[in-house]
């Protein structure tokens, strides 16, 4: 990008609607036209916090060039501090959808998720499914699962710590991302992907 900060967050145009939670202090806001957005990074205090916000923005931008993630993230300013601004995806979480989905719907959703597995692996997104299967949303009138949280991509863990890396990290993740004993949420949806399929 031309700069780290794309635009000024005009808070006189936006109204805070509710706190969403998470370790980055996510909130949902609505503007005067009814558009809903998510702001992350409101609790940033250190350079590491800012690096985490920038890392997630980059991951989401890269995902947006695939068919698996939401679009239009950018770094904005809120009260002089850089934050991540992205569209709010209205829909149902993966967990909620799978409770009522038919067998054919479940198979479609799972196969669609598996199509994006190599992308998740490439970006190191260890929390792509979410602890409560809430990092995947299915928008209304669609069974297409959309990835909405990218905080555990690249060097950061889901809670903000730095991942341990060595020469065999990627090799290990090829297996750990499919292992329910290591990552129960990812193993549930990706566990039956074979080495041959990869």
C-alpha atoms as a PDB file:
ATOM      1  CA  UNK A   1       0.000   0.000   0.000  1.00  0.00           C
ATOM      2  CA  UNK A   2       1.073   3.615  -0.452  1.00  0.00           C
ATOM      3  CA  UNK A   3       0.857   4.254   3.272  1.00  0.00           C
ATOM      4  CA  UNK A   4       0.186   2.364   6.482  1.00  0.00           C
ATOM      5  CA  UNK A   5      -2.950   4.427   7.076  1.00  0.00           C
ATOM      6  CA  UNK A   6      -5.435   4.631   4.220  1.00  0.00           C
ATOM      7  CA  UNK A   7      -7.972   7.017   5.632  1.00  0.00           C
ATOM      8  CA  UNK A   8      -9.078   8.916   8.685  1.00  0.00           C
ATOM      9  CA  UNK A   9     -11.814   7.150  10.667  1.00  0.00           C
ATOM     10  CA  UNK A  10     -14.544   9.777  10.776  1.00  0.00           C
ATOM     11  CA  UNK A  11     -16.229   8.884  14.053  1.00  0.00           C
ATOM     12  CA  UNK A  12     -18.803  11.649  13.692  1.00  0.00           C
ATOM     13  CA  UNK A  13     -20.283   9.594  10.845  1.00  0.00           C
ATOM     14  CA  UNK A  14     -20.313   6.349  12.813  1.00  0.00           C
ATOM     15  CA  UNK A  15     -22.152   5.186  15.924  1.00  0.00           C
ATOM     16  CA  UNK A  16     -20.907   2.366  18.123  1.00  0.00           C
ATOM     17  CA  UNK A  17     -23.453  -0.403  18.166  1.00  0.00           C
ATOM     18  CA  UNK A  18     -21.989  -3.130  20.348  1.00  0.00           C
ATOM     19  CA  UNK A  19     -18.822  -4.758  21.622  1.00  0.00           C
ATOM     20  CA  UNK A  20     -17.965  -8.002  19.878  1.00  0.00           C
ATOM     21  CA  UNK A  21     -15.130  -9.007  22.182  1.00  0.00           C
ATOM     22  CA  UNK A  22     -11.838 -10.689  21.450  1.00  0.00           C
ATOM     23  CA  UNK A  23      -8.343  -9.797  22.583  1.00  0.00           C
ATOM     24  CA  UNK A  24      -8.171  -6.787  20.241  1.00  0.00           C
ATOM     25  CA  UNK A  25     -11.281  -5.106  21.614  1.00  0.00           C
ATOM     26  CA  UNK A  26     -13.482  -5.559  18.549  1.00  0.00           C
ATOM     27  CA  UNK A  27     -16.597  -3.414  18.182  1.00  0.00           C
ATOM     28  CA  UNK A  28     -19.388  -3.182  15.632  1.00  0.00           C
ATOM     29  CA  UNK A  29     -20.243   0.292  14.344  1.00  0.00           C
ATOM     30  CA  UNK A  30     -22.946   1.571  12.001  1.00  0.00           C
ATOM     31  CA  UNK A  31     -22.791   4.650   9.789  1.00  0.00           C
ATOM     32  CA  UNK A  32     -25.478   7.130   8.790  1.00  0.00           C
ATOM     33  CA  UNK A  33     -26.294   5.041   5.691  1.00  0.00           C
ATOM     34  CA  UNK A  34     -26.790   1.852   7.695  1.00  0.00           C
ATOM     35  CA  UNK A  35     -23.480   0.245   6.720  1.00  0.00           C
ATOM     36  CA  UNK A  36     -22.037  -1.945   9.475  1.00  0.00           C
ATOM     37  CA  UNK A  37     -18.318  -2.343  10.083  1.00  0.00           C
ATOM     38  CA  UNK A  38     -16.021  -4.017  12.579  1.00  0.00           C
ATOM     39  CA  UNK A  39     -13.216  -2.091  14.246  1.00  0.00           C
ATOM     40  CA  UNK A  40     -10.343  -4.116  15.754  1.00  0.00           C
ATOM     41  CA  UNK A  41      -7.308  -2.885  17.641  1.00  0.00           C
ATOM     42  CA  UNK A  42      -9.044  -0.438  19.944  1.00  0.00           C
ATOM     43  CA  UNK A  43      -6.953  -1.711  22.842  1.00  0.00           C
ATOM     44  CA  UNK A  44      -3.619  -1.336  21.042  1.00  0.00           C
ATOM     45  CA  UNK A  45      -0.990   0.080  23.380  1.00  0.00           C
ATOM     46  CA  UNK A  46       2.371  -1.217  22.171  1.00  0.00           C
ATOM     47  CA  UNK A  47       4.277  -1.647  18.928  1.00  0.00           C
ATOM     48  CA  UNK A  48       3.545  -5.373  19.141  1.00  0.00           C
ATOM     49  CA  UNK A  49      -0.193  -4.623  19.316  1.00  0.00           C
ATOM     50  CA  UNK A  50       0.075  -2.428  16.231  1.00  0.00           C
ATOM     51  CA  UNK A  51       2.129  -5.053  14.395  1.00  0.00           C
ATOM     52  CA  UNK A  52      -0.604  -7.589  15.157  1.00  0.00           C
ATOM     53  CA  UNK A  53      -3.265  -5.287  13.708  1.00  0.00           C
ATOM     54  CA  UNK A  54      -1.174  -4.661  10.600  1.00  0.00           C
ATOM     55  CA  UNK A  55      -0.487  -8.388  10.235  1.00  0.00           C
ATOM     56  CA  UNK A  56      -4.186  -9.227  10.372  1.00  0.00           C
ATOM     57  CA  UNK A  57      -4.972  -6.515   7.832  1.00  0.00           C
ATOM     58  CA  UNK A  58      -2.357  -7.935   5.451  1.00  0.00           C
ATOM     59  CA  UNK A  59      -3.676 -11.474   5.908  1.00  0.00           C
ATOM     60  CA  UNK A  60      -7.231 -10.353   5.198  1.00  0.00           C
ATOM     61  CA  UNK A  61      -6.132  -8.434   2.115  1.00  0.00           C
ATOM     62  CA  UNK A  62      -4.379 -11.536   0.787  1.00  0.00           C
ATOM     63  CA  UNK A  63      -7.403 -13.711   1.564  1.00  0.00           C
ATOM     64  CA  UNK A  64      -9.589 -11.184  -0.268  1.00  0.00           C
ATOM     65  CA  UNK A  65      -7.789 -12.089  -3.487  1.00  0.00           C
ATOM     66  CA  UNK A  66      -9.124 -15.616  -3.071  1.00  0.00           C
ATOM     67  CA  UNK A  67     -12.746 -16.718  -2.836  1.00  0.00           C
ATOM     68  CA  UNK A  68     -12.434 -17.632   0.824  1.00  0.00           C
ATOM     69  CA  UNK A  69     -12.284 -14.367   2.774  1.00  0.00           C
ATOM     70  CA  UNK A  70     -14.117 -11.073   3.155  1.00  0.00           C
ATOM     71  CA  UNK A  71     -12.927  -7.992   1.311  1.00  0.00           C
ATOM     72  CA  UNK A  72     -12.095  -4.328   1.866  1.00  0.00           C
ATOM     73  CA  UNK A  73     -10.040  -4.271   5.073  1.00  0.00           C
ATOM     74  CA  UNK A  74      -7.812  -1.312   5.741  1.00  0.00           C
ATOM     75  CA  UNK A  75      -5.986   0.507   8.482  1.00  0.00           C
ATOM     76  CA  UNK A  76      -7.839   3.597   9.663  1.00  0.00           C
ATOM     77  CA  UNK A  77      -7.313   6.120  12.440  1.00  0.00           C
ATOM     78  CA  UNK A  78      -9.535   6.200  15.501  1.00  0.00           C
ATOM     79  CA  UNK A  79      -8.688   8.982  17.955  1.00  0.00           C
ATOM     80  CA  UNK A  80      -5.248   9.107  16.384  1.00  0.00           C
ATOM     81  CA  UNK A  81      -4.551   5.391  16.789  1.00  0.00           C
ATOM     82  CA  UNK A  82      -4.324   2.906  13.882  1.00  0.00           C
ATOM     83  CA  UNK A  83      -7.092   0.293  13.919  1.00  0.00           C
ATOM     84  CA  UNK A  84      -8.322  -2.375  11.517  1.00  0.00           C
ATOM     85  CA  UNK A  85     -11.601  -1.530   9.781  1.00  0.00           C
ATOM     86  CA  UNK A  86     -13.486  -4.214   7.856  1.00  0.00           C
ATOM     87  CA  UNK A  87     -17.037  -4.986   6.755  1.00  0.00           C
ATOM     88  CA  UNK A  88     -19.369  -6.692   9.215  1.00  0.00           C
ATOM     89  CA  UNK A  89     -20.630  -9.973   7.779  1.00  0.00           C
ATOM     90  CA  UNK A  90     -24.234 -10.595   8.730  1.00  0.00           C
ATOM     91  CA  UNK A  91     -25.118 -14.268   8.825  1.00  0.00           C
ATOM     92  CA  UNK A  92     -24.916 -17.372  11.003  1.00  0.00           C
ATOM     93  CA  UNK A  93     -21.789 -18.921  12.443  1.00  0.00           C
ATOM     94  CA  UNK A  94     -20.537 -22.253  11.203  1.00  0.00           C
ATOM     95  CA  UNK A  95     -21.503 -23.881  14.496  1.00  0.00           C
ATOM     96  CA  UNK A  96     -25.078 -22.611  14.327  1.00  0.00           C
ATOM     97  CA  UNK A  97     -25.475 -23.550  10.665  1.00  0.00           C
ATOM     98  CA  UNK A  98     -24.224 -27.089  11.152  1.00  0.00           C
ATOM     99  CA  UNK A  99     -26.809 -27.682  13.906  1.00  0.00           C
ATOM    100  CA  UNK A 100     -29.704 -27.431  11.439  1.00  0.00           C
ATOM    101  CA  UNK A 101     -28.064 -28.252   8.091  1.00  0.00           C
ATOM    102  CA  UNK A 102     -29.095 -31.323   6.135  1.00  0.00           C
ATOM    103  CA  UNK A 103     -26.502 -33.980   5.322  1.00  0.00           C
ATOM    104  CA  UNK A 104     -26.080 -32.629   1.799  1.00  0.00           C
ATOM    105  CA  UNK A 105     -25.690 -29.064   3.112  1.00  0.00           C
ATOM    106  CA  UNK A 106     -23.100 -30.204   5.648  1.00  0.00           C
ATOM    107  CA  UNK A 107     -21.123 -31.993   2.947  1.00  0.00           C
ATOM    108  CA  UNK A 108     -21.260 -28.928   0.684  1.00  0.00           C
ATOM    109  CA  UNK A 109     -20.073 -26.611   3.461  1.00  0.00           C
ATOM    110  CA  UNK A 110     -17.304 -28.956   4.556  1.00  0.00           C
ATOM    111  CA  UNK A 111     -16.062 -29.477   0.985  1.00  0.00           C
ATOM    112  CA  UNK A 112     -16.089 -25.718   0.397  1.00  0.00           C
ATOM    113  CA  UNK A 113     -14.049 -25.167   3.556  1.00  0.00           C
ATOM    114  CA  UNK A 114     -11.590 -27.842   2.462  1.00  0.00           C
ATOM    115  CA  UNK A 115     -11.081 -26.035  -0.851  1.00  0.00           C
ATOM    116  CA  UNK A 116      -9.484 -23.184   1.106  1.00  0.00           C
ATOM    117  CA  UNK A 117      -7.306 -25.376   3.311  1.00  0.00           C
ATOM    118  CA  UNK A 118      -4.076 -24.805   1.380  1.00  0.00           C
ATOM    119  CA  UNK A 119      -4.647 -21.043   1.630  1.00  0.00           C
ATOM    120  CA  UNK A 120      -5.094 -21.386   5.410  1.00  0.00           C
ATOM    121  CA  UNK A 121      -1.920 -23.443   5.529  1.00  0.00           C
ATOM    122  CA  UNK A 122       0.045 -20.973   3.417  1.00  0.00           C
ATOM    123  CA  UNK A 123      -0.911 -18.067   5.711  1.00  0.00           C
ATOM    124  CA  UNK A 124      -0.501 -20.157   8.870  1.00  0.00           C
ATOM    125  CA  UNK A 125      -4.044 -19.366  10.005  1.00  0.00           C
ATOM    126  CA  UNK A 126      -4.252 -21.682  12.999  1.00  0.00           C
ATOM    127  CA  UNK A 127      -7.570 -20.292  14.238  1.00  0.00           C
ATOM    128  CA  UNK A 128      -9.432 -20.194  10.945  1.00  0.00           C
ATOM    129  CA  UNK A 129     -12.428 -22.127  12.313  1.00  0.00           C
ATOM    130  CA  UNK A 130     -12.480 -20.441  15.726  1.00  0.00           C
ATOM    131  CA  UNK A 131     -12.681 -21.883  19.219  1.00  0.00           C
ATOM    132  CA  UNK A 132     -16.490 -21.832  19.052  1.00  0.00           C
ATOM    133  CA  UNK A 133     -16.591 -22.316  15.262  1.00  0.00           C
ATOM    134  CA  UNK A 134     -17.426 -18.627  14.962  1.00  0.00           C
ATOM    135  CA  UNK A 135     -14.605 -17.441  12.695  1.00  0.00           C
ATOM    136  CA  UNK A 136     -16.594 -18.794   9.768  1.00  0.00           C
ATOM    137  CA  UNK A 137     -19.876 -17.131   8.799  1.00  0.00           C
ATOM    138  CA  UNK A 138     -22.455 -18.220   6.266  1.00  0.00           C
ATOM    139  CA  UNK A 139     -24.248 -15.220   4.835  1.00  0.00           C
ATOM    140  CA  UNK A 140     -27.999 -15.295   4.551  1.00  0.00           C
ATOM    141  CA  UNK A 141     -29.457 -17.290   1.648  1.00  0.00           C
ATOM    142  CA  UNK A 142     -26.105 -18.962   1.041  1.00  0.00           C
ATOM    143  CA  UNK A 143     -24.222 -22.049   2.141  1.00  0.00           C
ATOM    144  CA  UNK A 144     -20.868 -20.535   1.188  1.00  0.00           C
ATOM    145  CA  UNK A 145     -18.645 -20.360   4.302  1.00  0.00           C
ATOM    146  CA  UNK A 146     -16.720 -17.092   4.593  1.00  0.00           C
ATOM    147  CA  UNK A 147     -13.599 -16.690   6.704  1.00  0.00           C
ATOM    148  CA  UNK A 148     -13.907 -13.540   8.813  1.00  0.00           C
ATOM    149  CA  UNK A 149     -11.046 -13.619  11.338  1.00  0.00           C
ATOM    150  CA  UNK A 150      -7.375 -13.644  10.365  1.00  0.00           C
ATOM    151  CA  UNK A 151      -5.677 -12.765  13.640  1.00  0.00           C
ATOM    152  CA  UNK A 152      -3.869 -16.108  13.941  1.00  0.00           C
ATOM    153  CA  UNK A 153      -2.209 -15.806  10.533  1.00  0.00           C
ATOM    154  CA  UNK A 154       1.524 -15.378   9.927  1.00  0.00           C
ATOM    155  CA  UNK A 155       3.540 -14.853  13.135  1.00  0.00           C
ATOM    156  CA  UNK A 156       0.778 -14.214  15.684  1.00  0.00           C
ATOM    157  CA  UNK A 157      -1.275 -16.653  17.719  1.00  0.00           C
ATOM    158  CA  UNK A 158      -5.019 -16.188  18.219  1.00  0.00           C
ATOM    159  CA  UNK A 159      -4.461 -14.554  21.632  1.00  0.00           C
ATOM    160  CA  UNK A 160      -1.694 -12.295  20.338  1.00  0.00           C
ATOM    161  CA  UNK A 161       1.441 -14.187  21.321  1.00  0.00           C
ATOM    162  CA  UNK A 162       4.250 -14.842  18.867  1.00  0.00           C
ATOM    163  CA  UNK A 163       4.377 -18.311  17.308  1.00  0.00           C
ATOM    164  CA  UNK A 164       7.453 -20.488  17.650  1.00  0.00           C
ATOM    165  CA  UNK A 165       9.095 -20.968  14.283  1.00  0.00           C
ATOM    166  CA  UNK A 166      11.804 -23.230  12.973  1.00  0.00           C
ATOM    167  CA  UNK A 167      12.732 -24.867   9.681  1.00  0.00           C
ATOM    168  CA  UNK A 168      10.074 -27.547  10.121  1.00  0.00           C
ATOM    169  CA  UNK A 169       7.155 -25.342  11.218  1.00  0.00           C
ATOM    170  CA  UNK A 170       5.296 -25.539   7.882  1.00  0.00           C
ATOM    171  CA  UNK A 171       5.921 -29.251   7.652  1.00  0.00           C
ATOM    172  CA  UNK A 172       4.409 -29.706  11.108  1.00  0.00           C
ATOM    173  CA  UNK A 173       1.375 -27.543  10.317  1.00  0.00           C
ATOM    174  CA  UNK A 174       0.573 -29.683   7.284  1.00  0.00           C
ATOM    175  CA  UNK A 175      -0.263 -32.352   9.838  1.00  0.00           C
ATOM    176  CA  UNK A 176      -1.284 -30.361  12.918  1.00  0.00           C
ATOM    177  CA  UNK A 177      -3.927 -28.417  10.953  1.00  0.00           C
ATOM    178  CA  UNK A 178      -5.634 -31.761  10.299  1.00  0.00           C
ATOM    179  CA  UNK A 179      -5.077 -33.332  13.717  1.00  0.00           C
ATOM    180  CA  UNK A 180      -8.042 -33.155  16.103  1.00  0.00           C
ATOM    181  CA  UNK A 181      -5.758 -33.935  19.044  1.00  0.00           C
ATOM    182  CA  UNK A 182      -3.799 -30.739  18.369  1.00  0.00           C
ATOM    183  CA  UNK A 183      -6.458 -28.484  16.869  1.00  0.00           C
ATOM    184  CA  UNK A 184      -9.944 -29.968  17.465  1.00  0.00           C
ATOM    185  CA  UNK A 185     -11.811 -27.329  15.456  1.00  0.00           C
ATOM    186  CA  UNK A 186      -9.646 -27.595  12.347  1.00  0.00           C
ATOM    187  CA  UNK A 187      -9.341 -31.353  12.680  1.00  0.00           C
ATOM    188  CA  UNK A 188     -13.127 -31.639  12.643  1.00  0.00           C
ATOM    189  CA  UNK A 189     -13.365 -30.064   9.181  1.00  0.00           C
ATOM    190  CA  UNK A 190      -9.977 -30.833   7.652  1.00  0.00           C
ATOM    191  CA  UNK A 191      -9.047 -34.102   9.319  1.00  0.00           C
ATOM    192  CA  UNK A 192     -10.034 -36.295   6.394  1.00  0.00           C
ATOM    193  CA  UNK A 193      -7.929 -34.418   3.820  1.00  0.00           C
ATOM    194  CA  UNK A 194      -5.333 -36.905   2.672  1.00  0.00           C
ATOM    195  CA  UNK A 195      -1.683 -36.224   1.847  1.00  0.00           C
ATOM    196  CA  UNK A 196      -2.511 -37.175  -1.734  1.00  0.00           C
ATOM    197  CA  UNK A 197      -5.257 -34.529  -1.923  1.00  0.00           C
ATOM    198  CA  UNK A 198      -2.797 -31.878  -0.722  1.00  0.00           C
END
